[in-house]
């Protein structure tokens, strides 16, 4: 097997050099399984649940300049013909729901001939 890292230390060193995002939190949770111990009582295990604050994760993604060209902030209606008969749907912002919400709230929308 041809791996890009020579050993575990090199791999972990690479991981540590990656950009850091929102902080991870560990929450231990006690769960009861379907197995029973020697006394017939259900076995209980403590498991670690690692998670991040979802609001901080979204903020981190939106702040990342590499994603900026791919973010859509305005709904679009794309048409394949100049008479607006053949509509094209690609991304979420090209659907009716996003358009209807923006129009309802008095926000600008864009029609594009592709």
Protein backbone atom coordinates (compact mmCIF):
# COMPACT_ATOMS: atom_id res chain seq x y z
CA UNK A 1 0.00 0.00 0.00
CA UNK A 2 1.45 3.38 -1.02
CA UNK A 3 0.45 5.89 1.68
CA UNK A 4 1.41 9.58 1.59
CA UNK A 5 2.77 9.43 5.17
CA UNK A 6 5.74 7.40 6.38
CA UNK A 7 4.35 6.81 9.86
CA UNK A 8 1.71 7.79 12.39
CA UNK A 9 3.80 10.68 13.75
CA UNK A 10 4.11 12.26 10.27
CA UNK A 11 0.36 11.86 9.73
CA UNK A 12 -0.55 13.45 13.08
CA UNK A 13 1.94 16.26 12.47
CA UNK A 14 0.20 17.01 9.16
CA UNK A 15 -3.23 16.97 10.83
CA UNK A 16 -2.01 19.38 13.52
CA UNK A 17 -0.88 21.80 10.79
CA UNK A 18 -4.36 22.06 9.23
CA UNK A 19 -6.40 25.22 9.86
CA UNK A 20 -8.35 25.08 13.10
CA UNK A 21 -12.11 25.58 13.18
CA UNK A 22 -14.62 25.85 16.02
CA UNK A 23 -13.64 24.08 19.21
CA UNK A 24 -14.62 20.47 19.79
CA UNK A 25 -16.51 19.55 22.97
CA UNK A 26 -16.76 16.09 24.49
CA UNK A 27 -19.93 15.14 26.32
CA UNK A 28 -19.96 11.78 28.11
CA UNK A 29 -23.32 10.03 27.86
CA UNK A 30 -24.45 6.97 29.84
CA UNK A 31 -26.32 4.47 27.71
CA UNK A 32 -28.05 1.28 28.71
CA UNK A 33 -27.64 -1.63 26.35
CA UNK A 34 -29.62 -4.81 25.91
CA UNK A 35 -26.93 -6.99 27.56
CA UNK A 36 -27.27 -7.98 31.21
CA UNK A 37 -24.53 -8.40 33.81
CA UNK A 38 -24.03 -11.45 36.06
CA UNK A 39 -26.81 -10.20 38.37
CA UNK A 40 -29.31 -9.77 35.53
CA UNK A 41 -29.13 -5.98 35.55
CA UNK A 42 -28.79 -4.10 32.23
CA UNK A 43 -25.21 -3.11 31.42
CA UNK A 44 -24.50 0.61 31.32
CA UNK A 45 -21.69 2.14 29.27
CA UNK A 46 -20.31 5.66 29.14
CA UNK A 47 -19.64 6.81 25.57
CA UNK A 48 -17.99 10.02 24.42
CA UNK A 49 -19.96 12.20 22.01
CA UNK A 50 -17.72 14.75 20.29
CA UNK A 51 -19.47 17.77 18.79
CA UNK A 52 -19.12 21.38 17.74
CA UNK A 53 -21.48 24.31 18.09
CA UNK A 54 -23.37 24.25 14.76
CA UNK A 55 -23.74 28.05 14.70
CA UNK A 56 -19.96 28.45 15.04
CA UNK A 57 -19.40 25.86 12.28
CA UNK A 58 -21.70 27.74 9.87
CA UNK A 59 -20.01 31.04 10.79
CA UNK A 60 -16.61 29.48 10.13
CA UNK A 61 -17.75 28.24 6.72
CA UNK A 62 -19.22 31.62 5.75
CA UNK A 63 -16.03 33.40 6.85
CA UNK A 64 -13.84 31.16 4.67
CA UNK A 65 -12.78 33.18 1.60
CA UNK A 66 -12.22 30.00 -0.43
CA UNK A 67 -15.97 29.31 -0.37
CA UNK A 68 -17.04 32.86 -1.33
CA UNK A 69 -17.27 32.23 -5.11
CA UNK A 70 -19.59 29.30 -4.46
CA UNK A 71 -22.05 31.00 -2.08
CA UNK A 72 -25.38 32.23 -3.42
CA UNK A 73 -27.15 35.11 -1.68
CA UNK A 74 -29.79 36.07 -4.24
CA UNK A 75 -32.43 33.87 -5.87
CA UNK A 76 -32.21 33.46 -9.63
CA UNK A 77 -34.59 32.31 -12.32
CA UNK A 78 -32.61 30.93 -15.25
CA UNK A 79 -34.22 30.56 -18.66
CA UNK A 80 -32.93 28.72 -21.72
CA UNK A 81 -34.86 30.87 -24.20
CA UNK A 82 -35.46 34.61 -24.48
CA UNK A 83 -39.24 34.15 -24.15
CA UNK A 84 -38.87 32.72 -20.63
CA UNK A 85 -40.63 29.44 -21.50
CA UNK A 86 -37.85 26.95 -20.72
CA UNK A 87 -36.70 27.35 -17.12
CA UNK A 88 -33.50 25.81 -15.77
CA UNK A 89 -33.16 24.56 -12.17
CA UNK A 90 -29.68 23.94 -10.80
CA UNK A 91 -29.07 25.14 -7.26
CA UNK A 92 -31.35 25.95 -4.32
CA UNK A 93 -31.39 29.63 -5.25
CA UNK A 94 -32.96 28.79 -8.65
CA UNK A 95 -36.07 27.26 -7.09
CA UNK A 96 -39.45 28.88 -6.46
CA UNK A 97 -39.36 28.81 -2.64
CA UNK A 98 -36.30 31.08 -2.29
CA UNK A 99 -37.66 33.46 -4.94
CA UNK A 100 -41.10 33.64 -3.29
CA UNK A 101 -39.64 34.37 0.16
CA UNK A 102 -37.41 37.16 -1.19
CA UNK A 103 -40.27 38.75 -3.17
CA UNK A 104 -42.56 38.49 -0.13
CA UNK A 105 -39.99 40.35 1.96
CA UNK A 106 -39.33 42.97 -0.74
CA UNK A 107 -35.81 41.83 -1.60
CA UNK A 108 -34.36 41.96 -5.13
CA UNK A 109 -34.28 38.87 -7.36
CA UNK A 110 -32.51 38.16 -10.70
CA UNK A 111 -33.69 36.63 -13.96
CA UNK A 112 -30.94 35.30 -16.26
CA UNK A 113 -30.96 34.06 -19.84
CA UNK A 114 -28.49 31.17 -20.15
